Amino acid sequence: MGSWWLEAVGWIGSAVLVWSLLQTQLRRLRVINLVGCVVLIVYNALNHVWPMVGLNVVLAGINIVYLTRMSREKHDAEVYEVLEVAGDDTYLRHVLRVHEGDIRRYNPEFVHDPFAGDPSYLVLWGDETVGVVLMRDAGEGTAQLLLDWVTPRHRDLTPGEFVFGPEGPFRRRGFRRVLTPPDMVEPYYESLGFRRDGDAYVL
């Protein structure tokens, strides 16, 4: 079984595994790693390298377990917590400073005003801060978002759902329209069930 195409399968599987480790988003990492494991299971089975088959079966199983858990937790309000803080909160300012580069990548016009009167929100996953939402009340049930940012690890798990969802603070405060931050890159609100209305998204 030493044909060139079989060797190509092995190299492709190895390359996919390496590529998966370069991903910053957890779910994407697991999906790509699972694909690599499946390819290597086929390759090693055809070459009768059973220890490597066993290893990749175990790794594939681990990926499936974590992907299942992520899918279940993605909409679980008990997993994420939304914490309201003041605009000049010391920890909030620390988060904004540490992640300034990534924040500006997706919100290039963002400037933090720590003395704005409207609340700020930190999105927590356990004891890890995974998101920041800053806004101001634009009146008539409209919230003008100044910043809506999520860490790369959790970007494909949409933790913003717990800020804007039915039980989130925006709905509780009576907001029904959300204006995206100026020049925000890749707004994701339609994936949360928002309807686009010009420059706004309607809850």
N, C-alpha and C. Protein backbone atom coordinates (compact mmCIF):
# COMPACT_ATOMS: atom_id res chain seq x y z
N MET A 1 0.84 -1.21 0.00
CA MET A 1 0.00 0.00 0.00
C MET A 1 0.87 1.26 0.00
N GLY A 2 1.96 1.25 -0.72
CA GLY A 2 2.87 2.37 -0.69
C GLY A 2 2.71 3.31 -1.85
N SER A 3 1.53 3.37 -2.46
CA SER A 3 1.33 4.24 -3.62
C SER A 3 1.39 5.70 -3.21
N TRP A 4 1.65 6.54 -4.21
CA TRP A 4 1.83 7.97 -3.93
C TRP A 4 0.59 8.62 -3.36
N TRP A 5 -0.59 8.16 -3.80
CA TRP A 5 -1.82 8.80 -3.31
C TRP A 5 -2.05 8.52 -1.84
N LEU A 6 -1.62 7.34 -1.40
CA LEU A 6 -1.78 7.01 0.02
C LEU A 6 -0.84 7.86 0.87
N GLU A 7 0.39 8.05 0.38
CA GLU A 7 1.31 8.92 1.11
C GLU A 7 0.78 10.34 1.15
N ALA A 8 0.14 10.76 0.05
CA ALA A 8 -0.45 12.10 0.01
C ALA A 8 -1.54 12.26 1.07
N VAL A 9 -2.33 11.20 1.25
CA VAL A 9 -3.37 11.22 2.28
C VAL A 9 -2.75 11.44 3.66
N GLY A 10 -1.65 10.73 3.93
CA GLY A 10 -0.97 10.88 5.21
C GLY A 10 -0.45 12.28 5.44
N TRP A 11 0.18 12.84 4.41
CA TRP A 11 0.71 14.20 4.53
C TRP A 11 -0.42 15.21 4.71
N ILE A 12 -1.51 15.02 3.98
CA ILE A 12 -2.65 15.95 4.10
C ILE A 12 -3.22 15.89 5.51
N GLY A 13 -3.39 14.68 6.04
CA GLY A 13 -3.91 14.55 7.41
C GLY A 13 -3.02 15.23 8.42
N SER A 14 -1.70 15.05 8.28
CA SER A 14 -0.76 15.70 9.19
C SER A 14 -0.82 17.22 9.07
N ALA A 15 -0.92 17.71 7.83
CA ALA A 15 -0.99 19.16 7.60
C ALA A 15 -2.26 19.74 8.22
N VAL A 16 -3.37 19.01 8.11
CA VAL A 16 -4.63 19.49 8.69
C VAL A 16 -4.52 19.58 10.21
N LEU A 17 -3.88 18.59 10.84
CA LEU A 17 -3.68 18.63 12.29
C LEU A 17 -2.86 19.84 12.70
N VAL A 18 -1.78 20.09 11.98
CA VAL A 18 -0.94 21.25 12.30
C VAL A 18 -1.73 22.54 12.11
N TRP A 19 -2.49 22.63 11.03
CA TRP A 19 -3.30 23.81 10.75
C TRP A 19 -4.31 24.05 11.86
N SER A 20 -4.88 22.97 12.40
CA SER A 20 -5.88 23.12 13.46
C SER A 20 -5.28 23.80 14.69
N LEU A 21 -4.02 23.52 14.97
CA LEU A 21 -3.38 24.09 16.16
C LEU A 21 -3.07 25.56 16.01
N LEU A 22 -3.19 26.09 14.79
CA LEU A 22 -2.96 27.50 14.56
C LEU A 22 -4.23 28.33 14.70
N GLN A 23 -5.37 27.67 14.94
CA GLN A 23 -6.64 28.38 15.04
C GLN A 23 -6.78 29.05 16.41
N THR A 24 -7.35 30.24 16.42
CA THR A 24 -7.59 30.94 17.69
C THR A 24 -9.00 30.69 18.22
N GLN A 25 -9.92 30.29 17.36
CA GLN A 25 -11.29 30.03 17.80
C GLN A 25 -11.43 28.56 18.19
N LEU A 26 -11.96 28.33 19.38
CA LEU A 26 -11.98 26.98 19.94
C LEU A 26 -12.78 26.00 19.09
N ARG A 27 -13.96 26.39 18.67
CA ARG A 27 -14.79 25.46 17.92
C ARG A 27 -14.15 25.11 16.59
N ARG A 28 -13.61 26.11 15.90
CA ARG A 28 -12.95 25.86 14.62
C ARG A 28 -11.75 24.94 14.80
N LEU A 29 -10.98 25.14 15.88
CA LEU A 29 -9.85 24.27 16.16
C LEU A 29 -10.29 22.83 16.28
N ARG A 30 -11.36 22.60 17.05
CA ARG A 30 -11.84 21.23 17.26
C ARG A 30 -12.35 20.59 15.97
N VAL A 31 -13.07 21.36 15.16
CA VAL A 31 -13.62 20.81 13.91
C VAL A 31 -12.49 20.41 12.96
N ILE A 32 -11.52 21.31 12.78
CA ILE A 32 -10.42 21.01 11.86
C ILE A 32 -9.58 19.87 12.38
N ASN A 33 -9.34 19.84 13.69
CA ASN A 33 -8.57 18.75 14.28
C ASN A 33 -9.28 17.41 14.10
N LEU A 34 -10.60 17.42 14.22
CA LEU A 34 -11.38 16.19 14.01
C LEU A 34 -11.23 15.70 12.57
N VAL A 35 -11.28 16.61 11.61
CA VAL A 35 -11.10 16.23 10.20
C VAL A 35 -9.73 15.60 10.00
N GLY A 36 -8.70 16.22 10.58
CA GLY A 36 -7.35 15.65 10.46
C GLY A 36 -7.26 14.26 11.06
N CYS A 37 -7.90 14.06 12.21
CA CYS A 37 -7.89 12.74 12.85
C CYS A 37 -8.55 11.68 11.97
N VAL A 38 -9.67 12.04 11.36
CA VAL A 38 -10.38 11.09 10.50
C VAL A 38 -9.51 10.70 9.30
N VAL A 39 -8.86 11.69 8.70
CA VAL A 39 -7.98 11.41 7.55
C VAL A 39 -6.86 10.47 7.98
N LEU A 40 -6.26 10.71 9.15
CA LEU A 40 -5.16 9.87 9.61
C LEU A 40 -5.63 8.49 10.06
N ILE A 41 -6.85 8.38 10.51
CA ILE A 41 -7.40 7.05 10.81
C ILE A 41 -7.44 6.21 9.54
N VAL A 42 -7.94 6.81 8.46
CA VAL A 42 -8.01 6.10 7.18
C VAL A 42 -6.60 5.74 6.70
N TYR A 43 -5.69 6.70 6.76
CA TYR A 43 -4.32 6.46 6.28
C TYR A 43 -3.65 5.34 7.06
N ASN A 44 -3.71 5.40 8.37
CA ASN A 44 -3.02 4.39 9.18
C ASN A 44 -3.70 3.03 9.12
N ALA A 45 -5.02 3.01 8.94
CA ALA A 45 -5.72 1.74 8.80
C ALA A 45 -5.30 1.04 7.50
N LEU A 46 -5.19 1.82 6.41
CA LEU A 46 -4.77 1.25 5.14
C LEU A 46 -3.33 0.74 5.19
N ASN A 47 -2.51 1.35 6.06
CA ASN A 47 -1.12 0.92 6.24
C ASN A 47 -0.96 -0.08 7.39
N HIS A 48 -2.08 -0.42 8.02
CA HIS A 48 -2.07 -1.39 9.14
C HIS A 48 -1.19 -0.91 10.31
N VAL A 49 -1.18 0.39 10.53
CA VAL A 49 -0.45 0.95 11.68
C VAL A 49 -1.48 1.16 12.79
N TRP A 50 -1.79 0.08 13.50
CA TRP A 50 -2.92 0.09 14.42
C TRP A 50 -2.72 0.97 15.66
N PRO A 51 -1.52 1.10 16.21
CA PRO A 51 -1.37 2.04 17.35
C PRO A 51 -1.76 3.47 16.97
N MET A 52 -1.41 3.90 15.75
CA MET A 52 -1.75 5.25 15.33
C MET A 52 -3.25 5.36 15.01
N VAL A 53 -3.83 4.26 14.55
CA VAL A 53 -5.28 4.25 14.38
C VAL A 53 -5.96 4.47 15.73
N GLY A 54 -5.48 3.72 16.74
CA GLY A 54 -6.06 3.87 18.07
C GLY A 54 -5.90 5.27 18.63
N LEU A 55 -4.71 5.85 18.45
CA LEU A 55 -4.46 7.20 18.94
C LEU A 55 -5.42 8.20 18.32
N ASN A 56 -5.58 8.12 17.00
CA ASN A 56 -6.43 9.10 16.32
C ASN A 56 -7.91 8.86 16.59
N VAL A 57 -8.30 7.62 16.84
CA VAL A 57 -9.68 7.35 17.25
C VAL A 57 -9.96 8.03 18.59
N VAL A 58 -9.01 7.92 19.53
CA VAL A 58 -9.17 8.56 20.84
C VAL A 58 -9.24 10.09 20.69
N LEU A 59 -8.32 10.65 19.89
CA LEU A 59 -8.33 12.10 19.68
C LEU A 59 -9.62 12.57 19.01
N ALA A 60 -10.10 11.79 18.04
CA ALA A 60 -11.36 12.14 17.38
C ALA A 60 -12.50 12.12 18.39
N GLY A 61 -12.50 11.10 19.28
CA GLY A 61 -13.53 11.03 20.31
C GLY A 61 -13.50 12.22 21.24
N ILE A 62 -12.29 12.65 21.63
CA ILE A 62 -12.15 13.82 22.50
C ILE A 62 -12.71 15.06 21.81
N ASN A 63 -12.39 15.22 20.53
CA ASN A 63 -12.91 16.37 19.78
C ASN A 63 -14.44 16.35 19.71
N ILE A 64 -15.01 15.18 19.49
CA ILE A 64 -16.47 15.06 19.41
C ILE A 64 -17.10 15.42 20.75
N VAL A 65 -16.50 14.96 21.85
CA VAL A 65 -17.03 15.28 23.19
C VAL A 65 -17.02 16.79 23.42
N TYR A 66 -15.90 17.45 23.09
CA TYR A 66 -15.81 18.89 23.31
C TYR A 66 -16.73 19.67 22.38
N LEU A 67 -16.86 19.23 21.12
CA LEU A 67 -17.77 19.91 20.20
C LEU A 67 -19.22 19.77 20.66
N THR A 68 -19.57 18.60 21.19
CA THR A 68 -20.92 18.40 21.72
C THR A 68 -21.16 19.31 22.91
N ARG A 69 -20.16 19.41 23.79
CA ARG A 69 -20.29 20.26 24.96
C ARG A 69 -20.41 21.72 24.55
N MET A 70 -19.60 22.16 23.56
CA MET A 70 -19.69 23.54 23.10
C MET A 70 -21.05 23.83 22.50
N SER A 71 -21.58 22.89 21.73
CA SER A 71 -22.89 23.09 21.13
C SER A 71 -23.97 23.21 22.19
N ARG A 72 -23.85 22.42 23.26
CA ARG A 72 -24.83 22.46 24.34
C ARG A 72 -24.70 23.75 25.15
N GLU A 73 -23.47 24.17 25.42
CA GLU A 73 -23.25 25.35 26.26
C GLU A 73 -23.46 26.66 25.52
N LYS A 74 -23.45 26.60 24.19
CA LYS A 74 -23.54 27.82 23.38
C LYS A 74 -24.77 28.63 23.72
N HIS A 75 -25.87 27.97 24.07
CA HIS A 75 -27.12 28.66 24.39
C HIS A 75 -27.52 28.48 25.84
N ASP A 76 -26.57 28.11 26.69
CA ASP A 76 -26.86 27.84 28.10
C ASP A 76 -26.56 29.09 28.93
N ALA A 77 -27.61 29.71 29.44
CA ALA A 77 -27.44 30.94 30.21
C ALA A 77 -26.69 30.72 31.52
N GLU A 78 -26.60 29.48 31.97
CA GLU A 78 -25.87 29.21 33.21
C GLU A 78 -24.36 29.17 32.99
N VAL A 79 -23.94 29.09 31.74
CA VAL A 79 -22.51 29.02 31.43
C VAL A 79 -21.90 30.41 31.36
N TYR A 80 -22.64 31.35 30.76
CA TYR A 80 -22.16 32.72 30.60
C TYR A 80 -22.87 33.64 31.59
N GLU A 81 -22.16 34.65 32.05
CA GLU A 81 -22.73 35.65 32.93
C GLU A 81 -22.41 37.03 32.38
N VAL A 82 -23.40 37.91 32.40
CA VAL A 82 -23.22 39.29 31.95
C VAL A 82 -23.16 40.18 33.19
N LEU A 83 -22.03 40.83 33.36
CA LEU A 83 -21.78 41.65 34.56
C LEU A 83 -21.78 43.12 34.18
N GLU A 84 -22.67 43.90 34.80
CA GLU A 84 -22.72 45.34 34.54
C GLU A 84 -21.67 46.05 35.39
N VAL A 85 -20.90 46.92 34.76
CA VAL A 85 -19.86 47.66 35.47
C VAL A 85 -19.92 49.12 35.05
N ALA A 86 -19.29 49.98 35.84
CA ALA A 86 -19.23 51.40 35.50
C ALA A 86 -18.21 51.62 34.38
N GLY A 87 -18.38 52.70 33.65
CA GLY A 87 -17.49 52.99 32.53
C GLY A 87 -16.05 53.21 32.94
N ASP A 88 -15.84 53.64 34.20
CA ASP A 88 -14.47 53.87 34.66
C ASP A 88 -13.96 52.74 35.55
N ASP A 89 -14.63 51.58 35.46
CA ASP A 89 -14.21 50.41 36.24
C ASP A 89 -12.76 50.05 35.92
N THR A 90 -11.97 49.79 36.96
CA THR A 90 -10.54 49.53 36.76
C THR A 90 -10.30 48.27 35.94
N TYR A 91 -11.06 47.21 36.22
CA TYR A 91 -10.85 45.96 35.48
C TYR A 91 -11.28 46.12 34.03
N LEU A 92 -12.37 46.83 33.78
CA LEU A 92 -12.81 47.08 32.41
C LEU A 92 -11.70 47.80 31.63
N ARG A 93 -11.12 48.81 32.22
CA ARG A 93 -10.05 49.55 31.55
C ARG A 93 -8.84 48.65 31.29
N HIS A 94 -8.59 47.73 32.22
CA HIS A 94 -7.49 46.78 32.02
C HIS A 94 -7.76 45.88 30.81
N VAL A 95 -8.97 45.35 30.71
CA VAL A 95 -9.33 44.48 29.58
C VAL A 95 -9.19 45.23 28.27
N LEU A 96 -9.68 46.45 28.22
CA LEU A 96 -9.60 47.25 26.99
C LEU A 96 -8.15 47.53 26.60
N ARG A 97 -7.31 47.75 27.60
CA ARG A 97 -5.90 48.05 27.32
C ARG A 97 -5.16 46.80 26.83
N VAL A 98 -5.39 45.67 27.49
CA VAL A 98 -4.69 44.43 27.13
C VAL A 98 -5.07 43.98 25.72
N HIS A 99 -6.33 44.16 25.34
CA HIS A 99 -6.82 43.66 24.05
C HIS A 99 -6.99 44.77 23.03
N GLU A 100 -6.31 45.87 23.23
CA GLU A 100 -6.51 47.04 22.36
C GLU A 100 -6.28 46.71 20.89
N GLY A 101 -5.25 45.95 20.57
CA GLY A 101 -4.95 45.64 19.18
C GLY A 101 -6.09 44.90 18.50
N ASP A 102 -6.61 43.86 19.15
CA ASP A 102 -7.69 43.08 18.54
C ASP A 102 -8.98 43.89 18.50
N ILE A 103 -9.22 44.69 19.54
CA ILE A 103 -10.42 45.54 19.55
C ILE A 103 -10.41 46.49 18.37
N ARG A 104 -9.28 47.12 18.11
CA ARG A 104 -9.20 48.08 17.01
C ARG A 104 -9.29 47.40 15.64
N ARG A 105 -8.94 46.15 15.59
CA ARG A 105 -9.06 45.42 14.33
C ARG A 105 -10.51 45.32 13.88
N TYR A 106 -11.43 45.16 14.83
CA TYR A 106 -12.84 45.00 14.50
C TYR A 106 -13.66 46.25 14.77
N ASN A 107 -13.12 47.17 15.57
CA ASN A 107 -13.81 48.43 15.87
C ASN A 107 -12.80 49.58 15.75
N PRO A 108 -12.38 49.90 14.53
CA PRO A 108 -11.26 50.84 14.34
C PRO A 108 -11.53 52.24 14.84
N GLU A 109 -12.81 52.64 14.97
CA GLU A 109 -13.14 54.00 15.40
C GLU A 109 -13.40 54.09 16.90
N PHE A 110 -13.21 53.01 17.63
CA PHE A 110 -13.58 53.00 19.05
C PHE A 110 -12.64 53.87 19.88
N VAL A 111 -13.25 54.72 20.71
CA VAL A 111 -12.53 55.51 21.70
C VAL A 111 -13.29 55.38 23.01
N HIS A 112 -12.62 54.93 24.05
CA HIS A 112 -13.30 54.70 25.32
C HIS A 112 -13.47 56.00 26.09
N ASP A 113 -14.72 56.28 26.47
CA ASP A 113 -15.02 57.41 27.33
C ASP A 113 -15.42 56.85 28.70
N PRO A 114 -14.50 56.81 29.66
CA PRO A 114 -14.80 56.17 30.95
C PRO A 114 -15.83 56.91 31.77
N PHE A 115 -16.21 58.12 31.35
CA PHE A 115 -17.13 58.90 32.15
C PHE A 115 -18.52 58.99 31.52
N ALA A 116 -18.75 58.17 30.50
CA ALA A 116 -20.09 58.10 29.91
C ALA A 116 -21.06 57.55 30.96
N GLY A 117 -22.28 58.05 30.94
CA GLY A 117 -23.22 57.67 31.99
C GLY A 117 -23.87 56.32 31.81
N ASP A 118 -23.86 55.77 30.61
CA ASP A 118 -24.56 54.51 30.37
C ASP A 118 -23.74 53.32 30.85
N PRO A 119 -24.40 52.20 31.16
CA PRO A 119 -23.68 51.05 31.72
C PRO A 119 -22.78 50.36 30.70
N SER A 120 -21.80 49.66 31.22
CA SER A 120 -20.91 48.83 30.42
C SER A 120 -21.10 47.40 30.88
N TYR A 121 -20.81 46.45 29.98
CA TYR A 121 -21.05 45.04 30.30
C TYR A 121 -19.81 44.20 29.99
N LEU A 122 -19.49 43.34 30.93
CA LEU A 122 -18.47 42.31 30.72
C LEU A 122 -19.18 40.98 30.59
N VAL A 123 -18.80 40.18 29.61
CA VAL A 123 -19.36 38.84 29.44
C VAL A 123 -18.34 37.85 29.97
N LEU A 124 -18.76 37.03 30.93
CA LEU A 124 -17.87 36.10 31.61
C LEU A 124 -18.23 34.67 31.30
N TRP A 125 -17.21 33.84 31.14
CA TRP A 125 -17.35 32.39 31.00
C TRP A 125 -16.56 31.79 32.16
N GLY A 126 -17.27 31.43 33.22
CA GLY A 126 -16.58 31.07 34.45
C GLY A 126 -15.88 32.30 34.99
N ASP A 127 -14.57 32.20 35.21
CA ASP A 127 -13.81 33.35 35.69
C ASP A 127 -13.04 34.03 34.55
N GLU A 128 -13.35 33.67 33.31
CA GLU A 128 -12.67 34.25 32.16
C GLU A 128 -13.55 35.32 31.50
N THR A 129 -12.99 36.50 31.26
CA THR A 129 -13.71 37.55 30.55
C THR A 129 -13.60 37.29 29.05
N VAL A 130 -14.76 37.10 28.39
CA VAL A 130 -14.75 36.73 26.98
C VAL A 130 -15.37 37.79 26.08
N GLY A 131 -15.89 38.87 26.66
CA GLY A 131 -16.49 39.89 25.83
C GLY A 131 -16.72 41.19 26.57
N VAL A 132 -16.83 42.28 25.81
CA VAL A 132 -17.12 43.60 26.35
C VAL A 132 -18.14 44.27 25.45
N VAL A 133 -19.18 44.85 26.05
CA VAL A 133 -20.18 45.61 25.31
C VAL A 133 -20.34 46.97 25.99
N LEU A 134 -20.10 48.04 25.21
CA LEU A 134 -20.29 49.40 25.70
C LEU A 134 -21.34 50.07 24.82
N MET A 135 -22.22 50.87 25.43
CA MET A 135 -23.32 51.45 24.67
C MET A 135 -23.73 52.79 25.27
N ARG A 136 -24.58 53.49 24.52
CA ARG A 136 -25.26 54.67 25.06
C ARG A 136 -26.71 54.62 24.60
N ASP A 137 -27.58 55.17 25.42
CA ASP A 137 -29.00 55.21 25.12
C ASP A 137 -29.25 56.32 24.11
N ALA A 138 -29.69 55.94 22.89
CA ALA A 138 -29.96 56.91 21.83
C ALA A 138 -31.41 57.37 21.83
N GLY A 139 -32.20 56.88 22.79
CA GLY A 139 -33.60 57.27 22.88
C GLY A 139 -34.51 56.44 22.01
N GLU A 140 -35.79 56.45 22.34
CA GLU A 140 -36.83 55.75 21.57
C GLU A 140 -36.52 54.26 21.43
N GLY A 141 -36.02 53.65 22.49
CA GLY A 141 -35.77 52.22 22.49
C GLY A 141 -34.59 51.78 21.67
N THR A 142 -33.69 52.72 21.34
CA THR A 142 -32.53 52.40 20.51
C THR A 142 -31.25 52.51 21.32
N ALA A 143 -30.41 51.50 21.21
CA ALA A 143 -29.10 51.50 21.86
C ALA A 143 -28.03 51.69 20.80
N GLN A 144 -27.20 52.68 20.99
CA GLN A 144 -26.05 52.89 20.11
C GLN A 144 -24.86 52.16 20.71
N LEU A 145 -24.43 51.10 20.04
CA LEU A 145 -23.27 50.36 20.54
C LEU A 145 -22.00 51.14 20.23
N LEU A 146 -21.17 51.28 21.23
CA LEU A 146 -19.86 51.91 21.07
C LEU A 146 -18.78 50.86 20.88
N LEU A 147 -19.00 49.70 21.47
CA LEU A 147 -18.07 48.58 21.33
C LEU A 147 -18.81 47.28 21.59
N ASP A 148 -18.60 46.31 20.73
CA ASP A 148 -19.11 44.95 20.93
C ASP A 148 -17.99 44.02 20.50
N TRP A 149 -17.27 43.51 21.48
CA TRP A 149 -16.05 42.75 21.19
C TRP A 149 -16.03 41.45 21.97
N VAL A 150 -15.55 40.38 21.32
CA VAL A 150 -15.43 39.05 21.93
C VAL A 150 -14.02 38.54 21.68
N THR A 151 -13.46 37.85 22.65
CA THR A 151 -12.12 37.29 22.49
C THR A 151 -12.10 36.29 21.34
N PRO A 152 -10.97 36.15 20.65
CA PRO A 152 -10.90 35.22 19.52
C PRO A 152 -11.31 33.80 19.88
N ARG A 153 -10.98 33.32 21.08
CA ARG A 153 -11.31 31.95 21.47
C ARG A 153 -12.81 31.68 21.46
N HIS A 154 -13.60 32.69 21.75
CA HIS A 154 -15.04 32.49 21.89
C HIS A 154 -15.84 33.16 20.78
N ARG A 155 -15.16 33.65 19.75
CA ARG A 155 -15.84 34.43 18.72
C ARG A 155 -16.86 33.61 17.93
N ASP A 156 -16.65 32.31 17.78
CA ASP A 156 -17.61 31.50 17.04
C ASP A 156 -18.65 30.85 17.95
N LEU A 157 -18.69 31.26 19.23
CA LEU A 157 -19.69 30.73 20.17
C LEU A 157 -20.74 31.78 20.53
N THR A 158 -20.68 32.95 19.92
CA THR A 158 -21.65 34.04 20.04
C THR A 158 -22.12 34.30 21.47
N PRO A 159 -21.21 34.61 22.40
CA PRO A 159 -21.66 34.93 23.76
C PRO A 159 -22.48 36.20 23.83
N GLY A 160 -22.46 37.03 22.76
CA GLY A 160 -23.30 38.22 22.72
C GLY A 160 -24.78 37.91 22.83
N GLU A 161 -25.14 36.66 22.57
CA GLU A 161 -26.53 36.24 22.71
C GLU A 161 -27.07 36.55 24.11
N PHE A 162 -26.19 36.47 25.11
CA PHE A 162 -26.65 36.65 26.48
C PHE A 162 -26.71 38.12 26.88
N VAL A 163 -26.20 38.99 26.04
CA VAL A 163 -26.36 40.43 26.24
C VAL A 163 -27.64 40.90 25.57
N PHE A 164 -27.87 40.43 24.33
CA PHE A 164 -28.97 40.93 23.52
C PHE A 164 -30.20 40.02 23.52
N GLY A 165 -30.09 38.83 24.10
CA GLY A 165 -31.19 37.87 24.07
C GLY A 165 -32.35 38.26 24.96
N PRO A 166 -33.41 37.44 24.99
CA PRO A 166 -34.64 37.77 25.75
C PRO A 166 -34.39 38.02 27.24
N GLU A 167 -33.41 37.34 27.82
CA GLU A 167 -33.14 37.51 29.25
C GLU A 167 -31.98 38.46 29.52
N GLY A 168 -31.44 39.06 28.47
CA GLY A 168 -30.27 39.92 28.62
C GLY A 168 -30.62 41.33 29.08
N PRO A 169 -29.62 42.10 29.46
CA PRO A 169 -29.86 43.45 29.99
C PRO A 169 -30.45 44.43 28.98
N PHE A 170 -30.21 44.23 27.69
CA PHE A 170 -30.75 45.16 26.71
C PHE A 170 -32.27 45.05 26.65
N ARG A 171 -32.77 43.83 26.60
CA ARG A 171 -34.22 43.64 26.58
C ARG A 171 -34.84 44.14 27.88
N ARG A 172 -34.17 43.87 29.01
CA ARG A 172 -34.72 44.29 30.30
C ARG A 172 -34.80 45.81 30.40
N ARG A 173 -33.89 46.52 29.72
CA ARG A 173 -33.91 47.98 29.72
C ARG A 173 -34.83 48.55 28.65
N GLY A 174 -35.48 47.68 27.88
CA GLY A 174 -36.48 48.14 26.92
C GLY A 174 -35.95 48.47 25.54
N PHE A 175 -34.70 48.13 25.24
CA PHE A 175 -34.16 48.40 23.91
C PHE A 175 -34.71 47.40 22.90
N ARG A 176 -35.11 47.92 21.75
CA ARG A 176 -35.61 47.07 20.67
C ARG A 176 -34.83 47.25 19.38
N ARG A 177 -34.00 48.28 19.33
CA ARG A 177 -33.16 48.51 18.15
C ARG A 177 -31.72 48.70 18.62
N VAL A 178 -30.79 48.20 17.83
CA VAL A 178 -29.37 48.31 18.16
C VAL A 178 -28.64 48.89 16.96
N LEU A 179 -27.99 50.02 17.17
CA LEU A 179 -27.14 50.60 16.12
C LEU A 179 -25.73 50.08 16.31
N THR A 180 -25.16 49.54 15.26
CA THR A 180 -23.83 48.96 15.38
C THR A 180 -22.79 50.05 15.57
N PRO A 181 -21.65 49.70 16.16
CA PRO A 181 -20.58 50.69 16.33
C PRO A 181 -20.12 51.23 14.98
N PRO A 182 -19.68 52.49 14.91
CA PRO A 182 -19.21 53.05 13.65
C PRO A 182 -18.07 52.21 13.05
N ASP A 183 -18.21 51.85 11.79
CA ASP A 183 -17.18 51.11 11.05
C ASP A 183 -16.86 49.76 11.66
N MET A 184 -17.81 49.15 12.37
CA MET A 184 -17.58 47.82 12.93
C MET A 184 -17.35 46.82 11.80
N VAL A 185 -16.35 45.97 11.96
CA VAL A 185 -16.01 44.96 10.95
C VAL A 185 -16.77 43.67 11.27
N GLU A 186 -17.46 43.14 10.28
CA GLU A 186 -18.16 41.86 10.37
C GLU A 186 -19.18 41.82 11.51
N PRO A 187 -20.18 42.72 11.50
CA PRO A 187 -21.24 42.62 12.50
C PRO A 187 -21.97 41.28 12.37
N TYR A 188 -22.37 40.72 13.49
CA TYR A 188 -22.88 39.34 13.51
C TYR A 188 -24.32 39.25 13.99
N TYR A 189 -25.03 40.36 14.07
CA TYR A 189 -26.31 40.39 14.75
C TYR A 189 -27.40 39.57 14.07
N GLU A 190 -27.31 39.41 12.76
CA GLU A 190 -28.32 38.60 12.07
C GLU A 190 -28.26 37.15 12.54
N SER A 191 -27.08 36.68 12.94
CA SER A 191 -26.97 35.30 13.44
C SER A 191 -27.65 35.13 14.79
N LEU A 192 -27.97 36.26 15.46
CA LEU A 192 -28.67 36.20 16.74
C LEU A 192 -30.16 36.41 16.58
N GLY A 193 -30.63 36.48 15.33
CA GLY A 193 -32.05 36.67 15.09
C GLY A 193 -32.47 38.11 14.90
N PHE A 194 -31.52 39.03 14.78
CA PHE A 194 -31.85 40.42 14.50
C PHE A 194 -32.29 40.57 13.04
N ARG A 195 -33.11 41.58 12.81
CA ARG A 195 -33.51 41.93 11.44
C ARG A 195 -32.86 43.25 11.08
N ARG A 196 -32.21 43.28 9.93
CA ARG A 196 -31.52 44.50 9.51
C ARG A 196 -32.52 45.56 9.06
N ASP A 197 -32.29 46.79 9.53
CA ASP A 197 -33.15 47.91 9.19
C ASP A 197 -32.25 49.12 8.93
N GLY A 198 -31.76 49.26 7.68
CA GLY A 198 -30.80 50.31 7.37
C GLY A 198 -29.48 50.04 8.07
N ASP A 199 -29.04 51.01 8.87
CA ASP A 199 -27.80 50.85 9.63
C ASP A 199 -28.04 50.20 10.98
N ALA A 200 -29.29 49.86 11.28
CA ALA A 200 -29.62 49.29 12.58
C ALA A 200 -30.03 47.84 12.44
N TYR A 201 -30.02 47.15 13.59
CA TYR A 201 -30.54 45.78 13.67
C TYR A 201 -31.65 45.78 14.71
N VAL A 202 -32.81 45.26 14.34
CA VAL A 202 -33.98 45.29 15.20
C VAL A 202 -34.12 43.98 15.93
N LEU A 203 -34.30 44.06 17.24
CA LEU A 203 -34.47 42.85 18.05
C LEU A 203 -35.83 42.23 17.82
